[in-house]
Protein backbone atom coordinates (compact mmCIF):
# COMPACT_ATOMS: atom_id res chain seq x y z
CA MET A 1 -21.02 -16.54 20.19
CA ILE A 2 -17.89 -15.82 18.14
CA ASP A 3 -16.36 -12.37 18.58
CA ASP A 4 -16.89 -10.32 15.39
CA LYS A 5 -13.14 -9.81 15.11
CA LYS A 6 -12.14 -13.45 15.64
CA ARG A 7 -14.20 -15.23 13.02
CA LEU A 8 -12.33 -17.79 10.93
CA ILE A 9 -13.55 -18.38 7.38
CA LYS A 10 -15.09 -21.81 6.74
CA LYS A 11 -16.46 -23.58 3.69
CA ASP A 12 -19.99 -23.08 5.01
CA ASP A 13 -19.48 -19.31 4.83
CA GLU A 14 -19.28 -19.24 1.03
CA LYS A 15 -22.97 -18.47 0.46
CA GLU A 16 -22.93 -15.70 3.08
CA LEU A 17 -19.84 -14.11 1.53
CA LYS A 18 -21.22 -14.41 -1.98
CA ASN A 19 -24.35 -12.54 -0.92
CA LEU A 20 -22.24 -9.95 0.86
CA HIS A 21 -20.07 -9.48 -2.23
CA SER A 22 -23.16 -9.10 -4.39
CA SER A 23 -24.46 -6.34 -2.12
CA LEU A 24 -21.13 -4.48 -2.30
CA LYS A 25 -20.62 -4.53 -6.06
CA ASP A 26 -23.05 -1.67 -6.59
CA SER A 27 -21.66 0.51 -3.80
CA VAL A 28 -21.03 4.09 -4.93
CA TYR A 29 -17.57 3.75 -3.35
CA ARG A 30 -16.54 0.57 -5.19
CA ASP A 31 -13.49 1.55 -7.26
CA TYR A 32 -13.16 0.85 -10.99
CA PHE A 33 -9.41 0.43 -11.39
CA HIS A 34 -8.12 -0.09 -7.85
CA ILE A 35 -8.10 -3.53 -6.22
CA SER A 36 -10.83 -3.70 -3.57
CA PRO A 37 -11.49 -6.39 -0.95
CA LEU A 38 -13.69 -9.24 -2.11
CA THR A 39 -15.67 -8.48 1.06
CA GLY A 40 -14.82 -6.97 4.42
CA LEU A 41 -11.46 -5.30 4.97
CA LEU A 42 -8.28 -5.15 2.91
CA ASN A 43 -5.01 -3.81 4.26
CA ASP A 44 -1.30 -4.50 3.54
CA PRO A 45 -0.20 -5.85 0.14
CA ASN A 46 1.69 -9.11 0.61
CA GLY A 47 3.66 -11.76 -1.27
CA LEU A 48 4.15 -9.96 -4.59
CA PHE A 49 5.80 -12.05 -7.33
CA PHE A 50 5.77 -12.80 -11.07
CA LYS A 51 5.53 -16.33 -12.48
CA GLU A 52 4.31 -17.89 -15.73
CA ASN A 53 3.27 -14.55 -17.23
CA LYS A 54 1.15 -13.55 -14.25
CA PHE A 55 1.68 -11.05 -11.48
CA HIS A 56 0.52 -12.46 -8.15
CA ILE A 57 -0.74 -9.99 -5.56
CA PHE A 58 -2.01 -10.88 -2.09
CA TYR A 59 -3.53 -8.70 0.58
CA GLN A 60 -4.37 -8.88 4.26
CA TRP A 61 -8.06 -9.72 4.47
CA TYR A 62 -10.79 -9.94 7.06
CA PRO A 63 -13.79 -11.33 5.14
CA PHE A 64 -16.80 -10.52 7.26
CA LYS A 65 -16.72 -6.79 8.06
CA GLY A 66 -14.78 -3.64 7.27
CA ILE A 67 -12.84 -3.98 10.52
CA HIS A 68 -9.38 -5.23 11.50
CA GLY A 69 -10.40 -8.75 12.47
CA LEU A 70 -8.71 -12.15 12.18
CA LYS A 71 -6.30 -11.74 9.27
CA HIS A 72 -6.44 -14.04 6.24
CA TRP A 73 -4.67 -13.65 2.86
CA TYR A 74 -6.53 -13.20 -0.42
CA GLU A 75 -5.00 -13.52 -3.91
CA VAL A 76 -5.50 -11.36 -7.01
CA GLN A 77 -3.73 -11.93 -10.34
CA SER A 78 -2.88 -9.65 -13.25
CA PRO A 79 -1.39 -10.19 -16.72
CA ASP A 80 -0.21 -6.59 -17.06
CA LEU A 81 -0.43 -4.70 -13.73
CA ILE A 82 -3.50 -2.70 -14.78
CA ASN A 83 -6.17 -5.42 -15.17
CA PHE A 84 -6.93 -7.49 -12.08
CA LYS A 85 -8.99 -10.59 -11.32
CA ASN A 86 -9.98 -12.08 -7.98
CA ILE A 87 -8.55 -15.59 -7.48
CA GLY A 88 -9.37 -16.72 -3.97
CA LEU A 89 -8.50 -17.35 -0.36
CA PHE A 90 -4.82 -18.19 0.08
CA LEU A 91 -4.01 -18.25 3.79
CA LYS A 92 -6.27 -18.67 6.77
CA PRO A 93 -5.30 -18.61 10.45
CA ASP A 94 -6.30 -22.17 11.23
CA LYS A 95 -3.21 -23.42 13.11
CA ILE A 96 -2.04 -22.77 16.67
CA TYR A 97 1.01 -20.80 15.48
CA LYS A 98 -1.29 -18.29 13.74
CA ASN A 99 -4.43 -18.55 15.84
CA ARG A 100 -4.84 -14.76 15.91
CA GLY A 101 -4.01 -14.04 12.32
CA ALA A 102 -1.87 -14.76 9.27
CA TYR A 103 -0.13 -11.39 9.35
CA SER A 104 1.88 -9.72 6.61
CA GLY A 105 4.70 -11.30 4.67
CA SER A 106 6.33 -11.55 1.29
CA ALA A 107 7.49 -13.86 -1.51
CA PHE A 108 10.93 -15.14 -2.44
CA VAL A 109 11.42 -16.75 -5.85
CA GLU A 110 14.33 -19.09 -6.55
CA ASN A 111 14.44 -21.03 -9.82
CA ASP A 112 10.93 -22.51 -10.14
CA ASP A 113 10.17 -22.37 -6.43
CA VAL A 114 8.08 -19.63 -4.85
CA TYR A 115 8.41 -19.35 -1.08
CA ILE A 116 5.90 -17.44 1.02
CA VAL A 117 7.06 -16.13 4.38
CA TYR A 118 4.72 -14.42 6.82
CA SER A 119 4.06 -13.59 10.46
CA GLY A 120 1.96 -16.07 12.38
CA ASN A 121 0.25 -14.10 15.14
CA GLN A 122 -0.33 -16.44 18.07
CA LYS A 123 -1.78 -15.77 21.50
CA ASP A 124 -1.67 -18.14 24.45
CA GLU A 125 -4.38 -18.77 27.03
CA ASN A 126 -3.31 -15.64 28.92
CA GLU A 127 -3.51 -13.45 25.80
CA ASN A 128 0.27 -13.13 25.56
CA ARG A 129 1.37 -12.55 21.97
CA ILE A 130 3.81 -15.00 20.35
CA PRO A 131 5.14 -13.69 17.02
CA ASN A 132 6.11 -16.61 14.78
CA THR A 133 7.81 -16.42 11.39
CA VAL A 134 6.30 -19.02 9.05
CA LEU A 135 7.58 -20.34 5.71
CA GLY A 136 5.71 -22.29 3.04
CA LYS A 137 5.70 -22.85 -0.72
CA TYR A 138 3.23 -21.54 -3.27
CA GLU A 139 1.80 -24.33 -5.41
CA ASN A 140 -1.26 -24.07 -7.68
CA GLY A 141 -2.85 -21.29 -5.68
CA LYS A 142 -2.28 -22.96 -2.31
CA ILE A 143 0.41 -22.92 0.35
CA ILE A 144 2.14 -26.20 1.20
CA ASP A 145 4.81 -27.38 3.65
CA GLU A 146 4.16 -24.63 6.18
CA LYS A 147 6.44 -24.52 9.20
CA VAL A 148 7.64 -22.07 11.84
CA ILE A 149 11.24 -21.17 10.99
CA ILE A 150 11.86 -18.41 13.55
CA SER A 151 10.47 -18.16 17.08
CA PRO A 152 10.15 -14.93 19.07
CA ASN A 153 13.33 -13.11 19.99
CA LYS A 154 13.15 -12.59 23.75
CA ASN A 155 15.48 -9.58 23.62
CA TYR A 156 12.81 -7.53 21.84
CA LYS A 157 9.18 -6.71 22.52
CA GLU A 158 6.45 -8.86 21.02
CA ASP A 159 6.19 -6.59 17.97
CA GLN A 160 8.25 -8.68 15.52
CA ARG A 161 6.65 -9.06 12.12
CA ASP A 162 6.54 -8.56 8.33
CA PRO A 163 9.37 -10.87 7.15
CA ARG A 164 11.24 -10.44 3.89
CA ILE A 165 13.83 -12.87 2.44
CA PHE A 166 16.70 -12.19 0.04
CA LYS A 167 19.90 -14.05 -0.81
CA LYS A 168 23.51 -12.97 -1.09
CA ASN A 169 26.30 -15.44 -1.81
CA GLU A 170 25.71 -18.61 0.21
CA PHE A 171 23.34 -17.07 2.77
CA TYR A 172 19.63 -16.42 2.81
CA TYR A 173 18.80 -13.34 4.85
CA LEU A 174 15.48 -12.54 6.51
CA THR A 175 14.47 -9.13 7.86
CA LEU A 176 11.77 -8.42 10.44
CA GLY A 177 10.28 -5.15 11.57
CA ALA A 178 10.58 -4.88 15.34
CA ARG A 179 10.45 -2.82 18.52
CA ASP A 180 13.21 -3.00 21.10
CA LYS A 181 12.90 -2.94 24.90
CA ASN A 182 13.45 0.84 24.86
CA ASP A 183 10.54 1.40 22.44
CA CYS A 184 12.69 2.13 19.42
CA GLY A 185 11.83 0.78 16.00
CA CYS A 186 14.42 -1.44 14.34
CA ILE A 187 15.05 -4.17 11.78
CA LEU A 188 16.17 -7.63 12.88
CA ILE A 189 18.29 -9.81 10.59
CA TYR A 190 18.35 -13.60 10.52
CA ARG A 191 20.33 -15.81 8.18
CA SER A 192 20.69 -19.42 7.08
CA LYS A 193 22.34 -21.48 4.36
CA ASN A 194 19.13 -23.52 4.05
CA ILE A 195 15.94 -21.57 3.44
CA ASN A 196 13.85 -24.26 5.14
CA LYS A 197 15.68 -24.49 8.47
CA ASP A 198 18.57 -23.49 10.72
CA TRP A 199 17.77 -19.78 10.82
CA GLU A 200 19.95 -17.92 13.31
CA PHE A 201 19.70 -14.39 14.67
CA PHE A 202 22.44 -12.41 12.94
CA GLY A 203 21.86 -9.05 14.58
CA GLU A 204 20.14 -5.70 14.26
CA LEU A 205 20.54 -3.59 11.14
CA GLU A 206 22.45 -0.40 11.87
CA ILE A 207 21.49 2.63 9.81
CA LYS A 208 24.57 4.77 10.04
CA ASP A 209 24.01 8.14 11.76
CA PHE A 210 20.22 7.80 11.54
CA ASP A 211 18.19 9.67 14.15
CA ASN A 212 15.42 7.22 14.99
CA LYS A 213 12.28 8.85 16.36
CA ALA A 214 9.81 5.96 15.94
CA TYR A 215 8.77 3.28 18.41
CA MET A 216 8.08 0.59 15.77
CA TRP A 217 9.17 -0.11 12.19
CA GLU A 218 6.68 -2.09 10.13
CA CYS A 219 6.99 -3.64 6.68
CA PRO A 220 10.76 -3.38 6.05
CA ASP A 221 11.81 -4.04 2.45
CA ILE A 222 15.22 -3.74 0.80
CA LEU A 223 15.29 -3.45 -2.99
CA LYS A 224 17.55 -2.40 -5.83
CA VAL A 225 16.55 0.62 -7.91
CA ASP A 226 18.96 1.80 -10.62
CA GLU A 227 21.88 0.04 -8.90
CA LYS A 228 21.18 1.73 -5.56
CA ASP A 229 19.89 0.03 -2.41
CA VAL A 230 16.59 1.39 -1.16
CA LEU A 231 15.37 0.65 2.36
CA LEU A 232 11.58 0.92 2.70
CA PHE A 233 9.79 0.84 6.02
CA SER A 234 6.72 2.16 7.81
CA PRO A 235 7.70 3.85 11.09
CA GLN A 236 5.14 4.38 13.81
CA GLY A 237 5.48 7.19 16.33
CA MET A 238 7.18 9.91 14.29
CA LYS A 239 6.10 13.44 15.18
CA ALA A 240 4.82 15.83 12.54
CA CYS A 241 7.41 18.34 11.37
CA GLY A 242 5.92 21.23 9.42
CA GLU A 243 4.56 19.84 6.15
CA PHE A 244 6.15 16.42 6.75
CA PHE A 245 4.93 13.30 8.61
CA ASN A 246 1.38 14.54 9.16
CA ASN A 247 -0.45 11.20 8.91
CA ILE A 248 -0.99 8.96 11.91
CA TYR A 249 1.82 6.68 10.65
CA GLN A 250 4.42 7.12 7.92
CA ASN A 251 5.72 5.12 4.97
CA GLY A 252 9.06 6.09 3.52
CA TYR A 253 12.51 5.16 2.32
CA ILE A 254 16.22 5.82 2.55
CA ILE A 255 18.53 5.51 -0.47
CA GLY A 256 22.01 4.18 0.25
CA LYS A 257 24.26 1.15 0.29
CA LEU A 258 23.66 -2.08 2.19
CA ASP A 259 26.60 -3.93 3.70
CA ILE A 260 24.70 -7.01 4.83
CA GLU A 261 27.78 -8.92 6.01
CA ASN A 262 28.41 -6.17 8.58
CA LYS A 263 24.73 -5.42 9.16
CA ILE A 264 25.10 -1.75 8.18
CA PHE A 265 23.06 0.45 5.84
CA TYR A 266 24.92 3.58 4.73
CA PRO A 267 22.39 6.32 3.92
CA GLU A 268 22.83 8.59 0.94
CA SER A 269 19.53 10.37 1.55
CA GLU A 270 17.31 11.37 4.43
CA PHE A 271 14.19 9.41 5.32
CA ILE A 272 11.75 10.53 2.60
CA GLU A 273 8.01 9.90 2.52
CA LEU A 274 6.94 7.65 -0.33
CA ASP A 275 3.66 9.51 -0.70
CA ARG A 276 2.61 12.98 0.44
CA GLY A 277 -1.14 12.37 0.45
CA PHE A 278 -3.52 11.44 3.26
CA ASP A 279 -3.78 7.66 2.92
CA PHE A 280 -0.82 5.48 1.92
CA TYR A 281 0.92 2.81 3.97
CA ALA A 282 2.71 -0.56 4.09
CA ALA A 283 4.13 -0.44 0.56
CA GLN A 284 5.84 -3.58 -0.73
CA SER A 285 7.91 -4.27 -3.83
CA PHE A 286 7.69 -7.22 -6.20
CA SER A 287 10.34 -9.82 -5.46
CA ASN A 288 11.42 -10.91 -8.95
CA THR A 289 10.55 -8.39 -11.66
CA GLU A 290 13.07 -6.74 -13.99
CA LYS A 291 11.71 -3.29 -13.20
CA SER A 292 11.21 -1.96 -9.68
CA TYR A 293 7.48 -2.02 -8.88
CA LEU A 294 5.63 -1.46 -5.65
CA ILE A 295 2.08 -1.31 -4.34
CA GLY A 296 0.75 0.35 -1.20
CA TRP A 297 -2.35 0.04 0.94
CA ILE A 298 -4.64 3.04 0.45
CA GLY A 299 -5.59 3.31 4.07
CA LEU A 300 -4.03 3.66 7.49
CA PRO A 301 -4.16 1.68 10.74
CA ASP A 302 -6.26 3.07 13.59
CA THR A 303 -8.31 5.14 11.15
CA ILE A 304 -12.06 5.06 10.57
CA TYR A 305 -13.39 5.52 7.03
CA PRO A 306 -17.00 6.40 6.12
CA ASN A 307 -17.60 3.15 4.20
CA ASP A 308 -16.28 0.77 6.89
CA LYS A 309 -19.75 -0.67 7.48
CA GLU A 310 -19.70 -1.92 3.87
CA PHE A 311 -16.07 -2.69 3.14
CA SER A 312 -12.72 -1.02 3.73
CA GLY A 313 -9.44 -0.47 1.92
CA ASN A 314 -7.91 -0.53 -1.55
CA LEU A 315 -4.54 -1.18 -3.08
CA SER A 316 -2.81 1.61 -4.97
CA LEU A 317 -2.00 1.69 -8.63
CA VAL A 318 1.14 -0.31 -9.30
CA ARG A 319 4.05 2.14 -9.30
CA GLU A 320 7.35 1.98 -11.13
CA LEU A 321 10.40 3.39 -9.33
CA LYS A 322 13.37 5.30 -10.70
CA ILE A 323 16.07 7.30 -8.94
CA LYS A 324 16.70 10.91 -9.97
CA TYR A 325 18.45 13.62 -7.97
CA ASN A 326 18.97 11.11 -5.16
CA LYS A 327 15.27 10.49 -4.57
CA LEU A 328 12.67 8.08 -5.87
CA PHE A 329 10.56 9.19 -8.81
CA ILE A 330 7.29 7.30 -8.62
CA ASN A 331 4.91 6.82 -11.55
CA PRO A 332 2.10 4.47 -12.50
CA VAL A 333 3.17 1.72 -14.89
CA LYS A 334 3.40 3.02 -18.46
CA ASN A 335 0.54 0.93 -19.83
CA ILE A 336 -1.88 2.73 -17.50
CA ASP A 337 -2.79 4.72 -20.64
CA ASP A 338 -4.55 1.58 -21.90
CA LEU A 339 -7.33 2.31 -19.42
CA ARG A 340 -8.41 5.37 -21.39
CA LEU A 341 -11.86 5.12 -22.97
CA GLU A 342 -12.74 8.48 -24.47
CA LYS A 343 -11.47 12.01 -24.34
CA ILE A 344 -13.77 14.55 -22.72
CA GLU A 345 -14.12 18.00 -24.19
CA PHE A 346 -12.45 20.55 -21.93
CA ASN A 347 -14.83 22.67 -19.86
CA LYS A 348 -14.29 24.58 -16.66
CA ILE A 349 -17.09 22.52 -15.14
CA VAL A 350 -17.55 18.83 -16.01
CA LYS A 351 -20.86 17.55 -14.66
CA SER A 352 -21.43 14.15 -13.02
CA ILE A 353 -17.93 12.82 -13.48
CA GLU A 354 -17.03 9.18 -13.96
CA PRO A 355 -13.62 7.69 -13.09
CA LEU A 356 -11.15 9.96 -14.88
CA GLU A 357 -7.59 10.71 -15.78
CA ILE A 358 -6.73 14.42 -15.83
CA SER A 359 -3.41 15.03 -17.57
CA LEU A 360 -1.76 18.46 -17.40
CA ASP A 361 1.38 19.56 -19.24
CA ASN A 362 3.34 22.80 -19.64
CA ILE A 363 1.87 24.33 -16.49
CA GLU A 364 2.88 27.98 -16.30
CA ASN A 365 0.36 29.57 -13.94
CA SER A 366 -1.40 29.07 -10.64
CA LEU A 367 -4.28 26.61 -10.80
CA GLN A 368 -7.15 25.11 -8.87
CA ILE A 369 -8.97 21.84 -9.51
CA LYS A 370 -11.97 20.73 -7.48
CA VAL A 371 -12.79 17.02 -7.76
CA TYR A 372 -16.20 15.80 -6.61
CA SER A 373 -17.39 19.39 -6.23
CA GLN A 374 -20.89 20.83 -6.34
CA GLU A 375 -20.33 22.84 -9.51
CA LYS A 376 -17.75 25.44 -8.33
CA ASN A 377 -18.17 24.73 -4.64
CA GLY A 378 -16.62 22.29 -2.19
CA GLY A 379 -14.90 19.14 -3.35
CA PHE A 380 -11.40 17.73 -2.98
CA ILE A 381 -9.27 20.77 -3.83
CA ILE A 382 -5.96 20.51 -5.69
CA SER A 383 -4.16 23.85 -6.00
CA TYR A 384 -0.85 25.40 -6.97
CA ASP A 385 0.34 28.91 -6.15
CA LYS A 386 2.92 29.86 -8.77
CA ASN A 387 4.28 32.82 -6.79
CA LYS A 388 4.75 30.85 -3.57
CA LYS A 389 5.75 27.66 -5.45
CA GLU A 390 3.35 25.83 -3.16
CA PHE A 391 1.26 22.75 -4.03
CA LYS A 392 -1.68 21.77 -1.81
CA ILE A 393 -4.46 19.25 -1.49
CA ASP A 394 -7.42 19.97 0.78
CA ARG A 395 -10.32 17.67 1.62
CA SER A 396 -11.95 19.88 4.28
CA LYS A 397 -14.76 20.92 1.93
CA LEU A 398 -16.04 17.36 1.36
CA GLU A 399 -19.04 16.49 3.51
CA ASN A 400 -17.64 13.13 4.65
CA LYS A 401 -14.72 13.92 6.96
CA ILE A 402 -11.76 11.58 7.59
CA SER A 403 -9.01 11.69 10.25
CA GLN A 404 -9.92 15.16 11.45
CA ASP A 405 -7.29 15.00 14.21
CA PHE A 406 -4.56 14.88 11.56
CA GLY A 407 -5.66 17.86 9.49
CA PHE A 408 -7.37 18.44 6.17
CA GLU A 409 -4.43 19.81 4.15
CA ARG A 410 -1.22 18.36 2.78
CA LYS A 411 1.34 20.77 1.33
CA ILE A 412 4.53 20.58 -0.74
CA SER A 413 6.68 23.72 -0.65
CA ASP A 414 9.30 24.96 -3.08
CA VAL A 415 8.03 22.95 -6.02
CA ASP A 416 8.16 24.14 -9.63
CA LEU A 417 5.04 22.50 -11.01
CA LYS A 418 5.34 21.61 -14.71
CA SER A 419 3.09 18.59 -15.18
CA MET A 420 0.56 16.51 -13.30
CA LYS A 421 -1.53 13.38 -13.73
CA ILE A 422 -4.60 12.87 -11.56
CA TYR A 423 -6.40 9.52 -11.41
CA VAL A 424 -9.91 9.83 -10.00
CA ASP A 425 -11.73 6.66 -8.96
CA LYS A 426 -15.01 6.23 -7.10
CA SER A 427 -13.39 6.68 -3.67
CA THR A 428 -9.70 7.20 -4.43
CA ILE A 429 -7.58 10.01 -5.89
CA GLU A 430 -3.94 9.45 -6.88
CA ILE A 431 -1.82 12.40 -8.04
CA PHE A 432 1.61 12.27 -9.67
CA ILE A 433 3.42 15.56 -10.27
CA ASN A 434 6.43 16.43 -12.40
CA GLN A 435 6.66 12.94 -13.92
CA GLY A 436 6.97 11.23 -10.56
CA GLU A 437 8.78 13.78 -8.41
CA TYR A 438 5.93 13.49 -5.90
CA ALA A 439 2.94 11.18 -5.43
CA LEU A 440 -0.12 11.98 -3.32
CA THR A 441 -2.77 9.36 -2.57
CA SER A 442 -6.03 9.99 -0.74
CA LYS A 443 -9.38 8.42 0.04
CA VAL A 444 -12.54 10.42 -0.65
CA PHE A 445 -16.17 9.54 -0.03
CA PRO A 446 -18.32 11.98 -2.01
CA LYS A 447 -22.02 12.20 -1.31
CA ASN A 448 -24.60 12.11 -4.11
CA LYS A 449 -24.51 15.84 -4.82
CA GLU A 450 -20.68 15.94 -4.82
CA LYS A 451 -20.23 14.80 -8.40
CA ASP A 452 -18.66 17.52 -10.55
CA LEU A 453 -15.20 18.63 -11.68
CA TYR A 454 -14.23 22.31 -11.61
CA ILE A 455 -11.03 23.59 -13.26
CA LYS A 456 -9.53 27.07 -12.91
CA GLY A 457 -6.29 28.44 -14.38
CA LEU A 458 -5.91 25.87 -17.16
CA SER A 459 -6.76 25.78 -20.85
CA LYS A 460 -7.68 23.09 -23.34
CA GLU A 461 -4.19 23.32 -24.83
CA ASN A 462 -2.55 21.84 -21.75
CA THR A 463 -5.41 19.82 -20.24
CA GLN A 464 -6.46 16.36 -21.39
CA ILE A 465 -9.32 14.55 -19.65
CA TYR A 466 -10.19 10.90 -20.29
CA THR A 467 -12.81 8.57 -18.90
CA LEU A 468 -11.28 5.32 -17.67
CA LYS A 469 -12.52 1.77 -17.98
CA LYS A 470 -13.21 -0.67 -15.19
CA SER A 471 -10.10 -2.84 -14.97
CA TYR A 472 -10.63 -4.48 -11.59
CA ILE A 473 -12.83 -7.47 -12.45
CA ASP A 474 -14.92 -7.62 -9.32
CA ASN A 475 -15.75 -11.31 -9.66
CA PHE A 476 -16.66 -13.51 -6.71
CA SER A 477 -14.07 -16.24 -6.23
CA LEU A 478 -13.31 -17.97 -2.96
CA ASN A 479 -11.52 -21.08 -4.26
CA MET A 480 -11.58 -22.91 -0.93
């Protein structure tokens, strides 16, 4: 009998998966405007690129259950970054060099060619891990010409994954998240003059004067935002420090300047969390868009969610990045307003809420908003104390508890709250304050009686509430 976590998708599974998808579509936790797994589990966003007027988005996928099983890749496409359609299976772990999963990777676009690079997770007969870096080309929804271009680096532990390619002058460069023999996270750099072969280890990226307190760095990504270099990564093993780094693993960035020829990144900021909510990880940027966009996984490794028996995971709203005051300002794409259906009349209690946008401007006082409450009681609590200049979210009053070992509150101190947008989906809440100064993303799993919205400290003059349309077309498409 095949282990539940090691099942490889086959053509004969299509009927089973179609029936499973049909049973999930009516789940009370199936989001309206966030990408959800076709079936099973979704985690890291992968391979993001734009071509022929379509945005291509892939995600790590285990088809059969909401568990971290044998990783495949699934593709979703969008014309505008707010409407999404399922396309089909893209990668499956059906070769020896990826016999335990087609792990995360990215896209690199050059002229008309789209290259996909990813981590092939291999294990030998003694269960020793062999991390391979695999390159192929995207063609008509399939990957062709796959080959291993980088073998494991014996000077580092087996945690070597999440490749990203970029080019400068005559060299292609490839970065990998890694863990050294002393259990310190790091980024490995390879380079070649030919993207298809002859990759050589160039060295380890030095982040000047950076105090590294993590044992592993996942999902490294280097992008340009407003002429600055931004280094994204997801460190594992950082200790909580007051209101910072309170999730099991972190996802953040450093702004600075990359000197790739000398393998040095010169920081101009501290390591800053991308998102201050409960559930955000493994963010990746698009490889070839004019504006700087990224998407994150709304979920965390080694975390159990109440709907895992049905399906697990979502992708975040697509976010546009700008730099102000030497930090990233993060907002949903501007055309997110196109999701609005109708404006709801302002009341302190809104009964039986649907997916919503709550838009607040000219905030001058303390406030409290309870999403998925029972009239005035319980719910996911969003609050601001004007006197303390303290912003908080609290999910302790919801009946379904998540990650209790990591606390029920997230706090931002010394913030002068002026505006806020809250996007409420069936099992996801995304908050953007002060036009992108902070983002907070969280999973919620309200029970049947947790269905209201309660607002205190606001008026109809500065509060706009809209119902939102379903923009994730939850169609069944396997395309094998």
